[in-house]
């Protein structure tokens, strides 16, 4: 007859629930996995499957009741860590979306907005196009698998422990969030520069021939130049997007290393 003590049962529950919480935090916030169009049952099934695979290789866990107050604190800590890892990768997509917003407003397509189910807000058509393009690059390069691999490695670089997290994780995440603005400006710079030259040329033309209707000819010209620049720049977006993704993965690795508990 097989007998189980309460301590052994708590150990088995903790060995599954704590890794599952970190995994579900990443799935909830990461791009592609956390999209609202993905059914909740599929997300839960993926998290449970990954937890069953990862749990046997997780380093030694704290010996405590997972339903006790310290156990619940560990549960919340793991969810915060997983969410931070997914949000760090989501920042890359936010930078690309900002580039689309800047390009769209410069082209005069700021009014062409659609409902974005991911952010529960409205975003421009150019922003959604670049976001979908980035998602295709994310899938084509198997970066979603690299993200899961980084998640699995985090259980070794940052084991589950009852020690409080270091504030370095939040500082690095906030610092990485500033990359949204720099990446958005850098990605949209060719389009903005071409449209700036176009607007200067239209201003000189209107000054030389005041009888021309600037609003009649300027709007179609700026939109046309904008679409031409997008078509010319899209084939060259792979390199800057790859660099952004690599920076995102490096940030995740630094966060999971910096939050190791300090042994005194």
Protein backbone atom coordinates (compact mmCIF):
# COMPACT_ATOMS: atom_id res chain seq x y z
CA UNK A 1 0.00 0.00 0.00
CA UNK A 2 1.32 3.41 -1.02
CA UNK A 3 1.17 6.06 1.66
CA UNK A 4 1.84 9.75 1.21
CA UNK A 5 2.64 12.21 3.91
CA UNK A 6 1.38 15.78 3.81
CA UNK A 7 4.96 17.02 3.39
CA UNK A 8 5.50 14.87 0.29
CA UNK A 9 2.16 15.97 -1.15
CA UNK A 10 3.00 19.64 -0.58
CA UNK A 11 6.38 19.13 -2.24
CA UNK A 12 4.77 17.62 -5.35
CA UNK A 13 2.18 20.39 -5.55
CA UNK A 14 4.81 23.11 -5.14
CA UNK A 15 7.10 21.48 -7.73
CA UNK A 16 4.30 21.83 -10.29
CA UNK A 17 2.41 24.97 -9.27
CA UNK A 18 5.36 27.35 -8.81
CA UNK A 19 6.95 26.69 -12.24
CA UNK A 20 3.48 26.76 -13.78
CA UNK A 21 2.88 30.23 -12.35
CA UNK A 22 6.04 31.65 -13.91
CA UNK A 23 5.19 30.01 -17.23
CA UNK A 24 1.62 31.33 -17.20
CA UNK A 25 2.90 34.82 -16.39
CA UNK A 26 5.06 34.78 -19.51
CA UNK A 27 2.28 33.34 -21.67
CA UNK A 28 -0.11 36.05 -20.46
CA UNK A 29 2.22 38.93 -21.39
CA UNK A 30 4.42 37.66 -24.24
CA UNK A 31 3.59 38.45 -27.87
CA UNK A 32 1.83 35.73 -29.85
CA UNK A 33 1.16 33.60 -26.74
CA UNK A 34 -0.71 36.35 -24.93
CA UNK A 35 -2.78 37.53 -27.89
CA UNK A 36 -6.44 37.85 -27.01
CA UNK A 37 -7.40 35.88 -30.11
CA UNK A 38 -5.71 32.78 -28.65
CA UNK A 39 -8.30 30.81 -26.63
CA UNK A 40 -7.76 30.78 -22.88
CA UNK A 41 -8.02 26.99 -22.81
CA UNK A 42 -5.16 26.73 -25.30
CA UNK A 43 -3.01 29.04 -23.18
CA UNK A 44 -3.69 27.01 -20.04
CA UNK A 45 -3.03 23.74 -21.86
CA UNK A 46 0.27 25.05 -23.21
CA UNK A 47 1.30 26.25 -19.75
CA UNK A 48 0.42 22.93 -18.11
CA UNK A 49 2.29 20.98 -20.78
CA UNK A 50 5.40 23.15 -20.39
CA UNK A 51 5.19 22.85 -16.60
CA UNK A 52 5.04 19.05 -16.81
CA UNK A 53 8.16 19.11 -18.99
CA UNK A 54 10.09 21.68 -16.96
CA UNK A 55 9.14 20.65 -13.40
CA UNK A 56 11.39 17.54 -13.18
CA UNK A 57 14.48 19.59 -14.01
CA UNK A 58 13.79 22.53 -11.70
CA UNK A 59 16.45 22.94 -8.97
CA UNK A 60 15.62 22.21 -5.35
CA UNK A 61 12.59 24.12 -4.11
CA UNK A 62 11.98 25.65 -0.67
CA UNK A 63 10.48 23.14 1.74
CA UNK A 64 7.26 24.87 2.70
CA UNK A 65 3.53 24.57 2.32
CA UNK A 66 2.48 26.15 -1.01
CA UNK A 67 -0.78 27.32 0.60
CA UNK A 68 0.92 29.08 3.47
CA UNK A 69 1.67 32.81 3.41
CA UNK A 70 5.35 32.35 2.37
CA UNK A 71 4.21 29.87 -0.29
CA UNK A 72 1.68 32.35 -1.67
CA UNK A 73 4.35 35.05 -1.69
CA UNK A 74 6.56 32.77 -3.78
CA UNK A 75 3.57 32.19 -6.08
CA UNK A 76 3.12 35.93 -6.60
CA UNK A 77 6.85 36.39 -7.09
CA UNK A 78 6.96 33.76 -9.84
CA UNK A 79 4.02 35.38 -11.63
CA UNK A 80 5.74 38.78 -11.53
CA UNK A 81 8.95 37.28 -12.93
CA UNK A 82 7.16 35.53 -15.79
CA UNK A 83 5.10 38.61 -16.62
CA UNK A 84 8.23 40.79 -16.64
CA UNK A 85 9.93 38.40 -19.07
CA UNK A 86 6.96 38.43 -21.43
CA UNK A 87 6.54 42.20 -21.15
CA UNK A 88 10.23 42.71 -22.02
CA UNK A 89 9.63 40.99 -25.36
CA UNK A 90 6.35 42.86 -25.83
CA UNK A 91 8.30 46.13 -25.71
CA UNK A 92 9.94 45.24 -29.05
CA UNK A 93 6.51 45.07 -30.69
CA UNK A 94 5.51 48.31 -28.99
CA UNK A 95 8.53 50.04 -30.53
CA UNK A 96 7.56 48.80 -34.00
CA UNK A 97 3.97 49.95 -33.45
CA UNK A 98 5.21 53.38 -32.44
CA UNK A 99 7.25 53.54 -35.65
CA UNK A 100 4.04 52.83 -37.59
CA UNK A 101 2.19 55.56 -35.68
CA UNK A 102 4.92 58.10 -36.43
CA UNK A 103 5.02 57.15 -40.11
CA UNK A 104 1.23 57.19 -40.40
CA UNK A 105 0.87 60.63 -38.82
CA UNK A 106 3.66 62.03 -41.01
CA UNK A 107 2.00 60.63 -44.14
CA UNK A 108 -1.32 62.15 -43.17
CA UNK A 109 -2.96 58.83 -42.31
CA UNK A 110 -3.40 59.63 -38.64
CA UNK A 111 -7.16 59.38 -39.10
CA UNK A 112 -6.93 55.82 -40.52
CA UNK A 113 -7.21 53.99 -37.21
CA UNK A 114 -8.67 50.61 -36.35
CA UNK A 115 -9.55 48.81 -33.16
CA UNK A 116 -6.61 46.75 -31.91
CA UNK A 117 -7.86 43.76 -29.87
CA UNK A 118 -4.41 43.23 -28.36
CA UNK A 119 -4.15 46.66 -26.71
CA UNK A 120 -7.92 47.18 -26.45
CA UNK A 121 -7.42 50.56 -28.13
CA UNK A 122 -7.12 52.14 -31.54
CA UNK A 123 -3.98 52.02 -33.67
CA UNK A 124 -3.14 53.26 -37.14
CA UNK A 125 -3.24 51.09 -40.23
CA UNK A 126 0.52 51.44 -40.78
CA UNK A 127 1.16 50.45 -37.17
CA UNK A 128 -0.91 47.28 -37.51
CA UNK A 129 0.81 46.41 -40.79
CA UNK A 130 4.28 46.71 -39.26
CA UNK A 131 3.14 44.81 -36.16
CA UNK A 132 1.91 41.90 -38.28
CA UNK A 133 5.14 42.00 -40.27
CA UNK A 134 7.16 41.85 -37.04
CA UNK A 135 5.07 38.92 -35.84
CA UNK A 136 5.80 37.05 -39.08
CA UNK A 137 9.54 37.66 -38.57
CA UNK A 138 9.15 36.48 -34.96
CA UNK A 139 7.61 33.21 -36.15
CA UNK A 140 9.80 32.69 -39.23
CA UNK A 141 12.98 33.00 -37.16
CA UNK A 142 11.62 30.59 -34.49
CA UNK A 143 12.06 33.29 -31.89
CA UNK A 144 8.98 32.05 -30.05
CA UNK A 145 10.93 28.85 -29.38
CA UNK A 146 13.95 30.90 -28.27
CA UNK A 147 11.67 32.73 -25.83
CA UNK A 148 10.49 29.44 -24.35
CA UNK A 149 14.08 28.24 -24.14
CA UNK A 150 15.03 31.43 -22.27
CA UNK A 151 12.14 30.79 -19.91
CA UNK A 152 13.37 27.27 -19.19
CA UNK A 153 16.92 28.53 -18.62
CA UNK A 154 15.61 31.11 -16.14
CA UNK A 155 14.78 28.34 -13.67
CA UNK A 156 18.53 27.67 -13.47
CA UNK A 157 19.83 31.24 -13.55
CA UNK A 158 17.10 32.41 -11.18
CA UNK A 159 15.87 29.43 -9.15
CA UNK A 160 12.62 29.47 -7.24
CA UNK A 161 13.40 30.65 -3.74
CA UNK A 162 11.73 32.26 -0.77
CA UNK A 163 14.25 35.13 -0.75
CA UNK A 164 12.83 38.48 -1.95
CA UNK A 165 13.63 39.65 -5.45
CA UNK A 166 16.18 42.33 -6.09
CA UNK A 167 14.87 45.67 -7.34
CA UNK A 168 17.28 45.41 -10.26
CA UNK A 169 14.61 43.54 -12.27
CA UNK A 170 12.24 46.50 -12.20
CA UNK A 171 15.00 49.01 -12.90
CA UNK A 172 16.16 47.07 -15.95
CA UNK A 173 12.59 46.65 -17.17
CA UNK A 174 11.91 50.39 -16.88
CA UNK A 175 15.19 51.18 -18.64
CA UNK A 176 14.36 48.73 -21.42
CA UNK A 177 10.94 50.40 -21.76
CA UNK A 178 12.66 53.57 -22.93
CA UNK A 179 13.78 51.62 -26.00
CA UNK A 180 10.22 51.96 -27.33
CA UNK A 181 10.81 55.60 -28.24
CA UNK A 182 14.31 55.22 -29.68
CA UNK A 183 13.35 52.14 -31.70
CA UNK A 184 10.18 53.80 -32.99
CA UNK A 185 12.06 56.88 -34.17
CA UNK A 186 14.90 54.87 -35.72
CA UNK A 187 12.60 52.53 -37.65
CA UNK A 188 10.44 55.37 -38.97
CA UNK A 189 13.37 57.70 -39.74
CA UNK A 190 13.69 56.86 -43.49
CA UNK A 191 9.97 57.49 -44.05
CA UNK A 192 9.97 60.67 -41.95
CA UNK A 193 13.08 62.00 -43.72
CA UNK A 194 11.62 61.37 -47.19
CA UNK A 195 8.34 63.03 -46.21
CA UNK A 196 10.20 65.98 -44.71
CA UNK A 197 12.02 66.52 -48.01
CA UNK A 198 8.69 66.15 -49.83
CA UNK A 199 7.02 68.77 -47.62
CA UNK A 200 9.94 71.16 -48.11
CA UNK A 201 9.68 70.69 -51.87
CA UNK A 202 5.92 71.32 -51.76
CA UNK A 203 6.50 74.46 -49.71
CA UNK A 204 9.02 75.79 -52.23
CA UNK A 205 6.65 74.89 -55.10
CA UNK A 206 3.75 76.68 -53.45
CA UNK A 207 5.93 79.73 -52.82
CA UNK A 208 7.01 79.79 -56.45
CA UNK A 209 3.48 79.21 -57.81
CA UNK A 210 0.95 80.57 -55.28
CA UNK A 211 -1.96 79.68 -57.55
CA UNK A 212 -1.39 75.96 -56.86
CA UNK A 213 -3.72 74.40 -54.29
CA UNK A 214 -1.34 72.95 -51.71
CA UNK A 215 -4.06 70.98 -49.94
CA UNK A 216 -5.27 69.55 -53.25
CA UNK A 217 -1.91 68.22 -54.43
CA UNK A 218 0.04 67.86 -51.17
CA UNK A 219 -2.10 65.19 -49.53
CA UNK A 220 -1.94 62.64 -52.42
CA UNK A 221 1.77 63.30 -52.92
CA UNK A 222 2.71 62.75 -49.27
CA UNK A 223 0.65 59.56 -49.06
CA UNK A 224 2.20 58.26 -52.29
CA UNK A 225 5.73 59.06 -51.14
CA UNK A 226 5.00 57.42 -47.79
CA UNK A 227 3.78 54.18 -49.36
CA UNK A 228 6.73 54.14 -51.76
CA UNK A 229 9.17 54.53 -48.85
CA UNK A 230 7.42 51.78 -46.90
CA UNK A 231 7.70 49.46 -49.90
CA UNK A 232 11.39 50.31 -50.27
CA UNK A 233 12.24 49.97 -46.57
CA UNK A 234 10.31 46.78 -45.74
CA UNK A 235 12.93 44.42 -47.32
CA UNK A 236 15.59 46.00 -45.08
CA UNK A 237 13.67 45.75 -41.81
CA UNK A 238 14.88 42.23 -41.05
CA UNK A 239 18.27 43.37 -39.71
CA UNK A 240 17.03 46.08 -37.29
CA UNK A 241 14.20 43.82 -36.12
CA UNK A 242 16.66 40.99 -35.48
CA UNK A 243 18.84 43.39 -33.49
CA UNK A 244 15.84 44.52 -31.45
CA UNK A 245 14.87 40.92 -30.70
CA UNK A 246 18.41 40.08 -29.65
CA UNK A 247 18.43 43.09 -27.32
CA UNK A 248 15.14 41.89 -25.88
CA UNK A 249 16.47 38.41 -25.18
CA UNK A 250 19.63 39.86 -23.68
CA UNK A 251 17.53 42.06 -21.40
CA UNK A 252 15.53 39.05 -20.25
CA UNK A 253 18.72 37.13 -19.47
CA UNK A 254 20.12 40.09 -17.53
CA UNK A 255 16.89 40.44 -15.55
CA UNK A 256 16.81 36.78 -14.61
CA UNK A 257 20.45 36.93 -13.57
CA UNK A 258 20.23 40.21 -11.67
CA UNK A 259 17.34 39.04 -9.52
CA UNK A 260 19.26 36.20 -7.93
CA UNK A 261 18.99 36.43 -4.16
CA UNK A 262 22.04 37.82 -2.43
CA UNK A 263 23.69 35.41 -0.03
CA UNK A 264 25.06 37.16 3.02
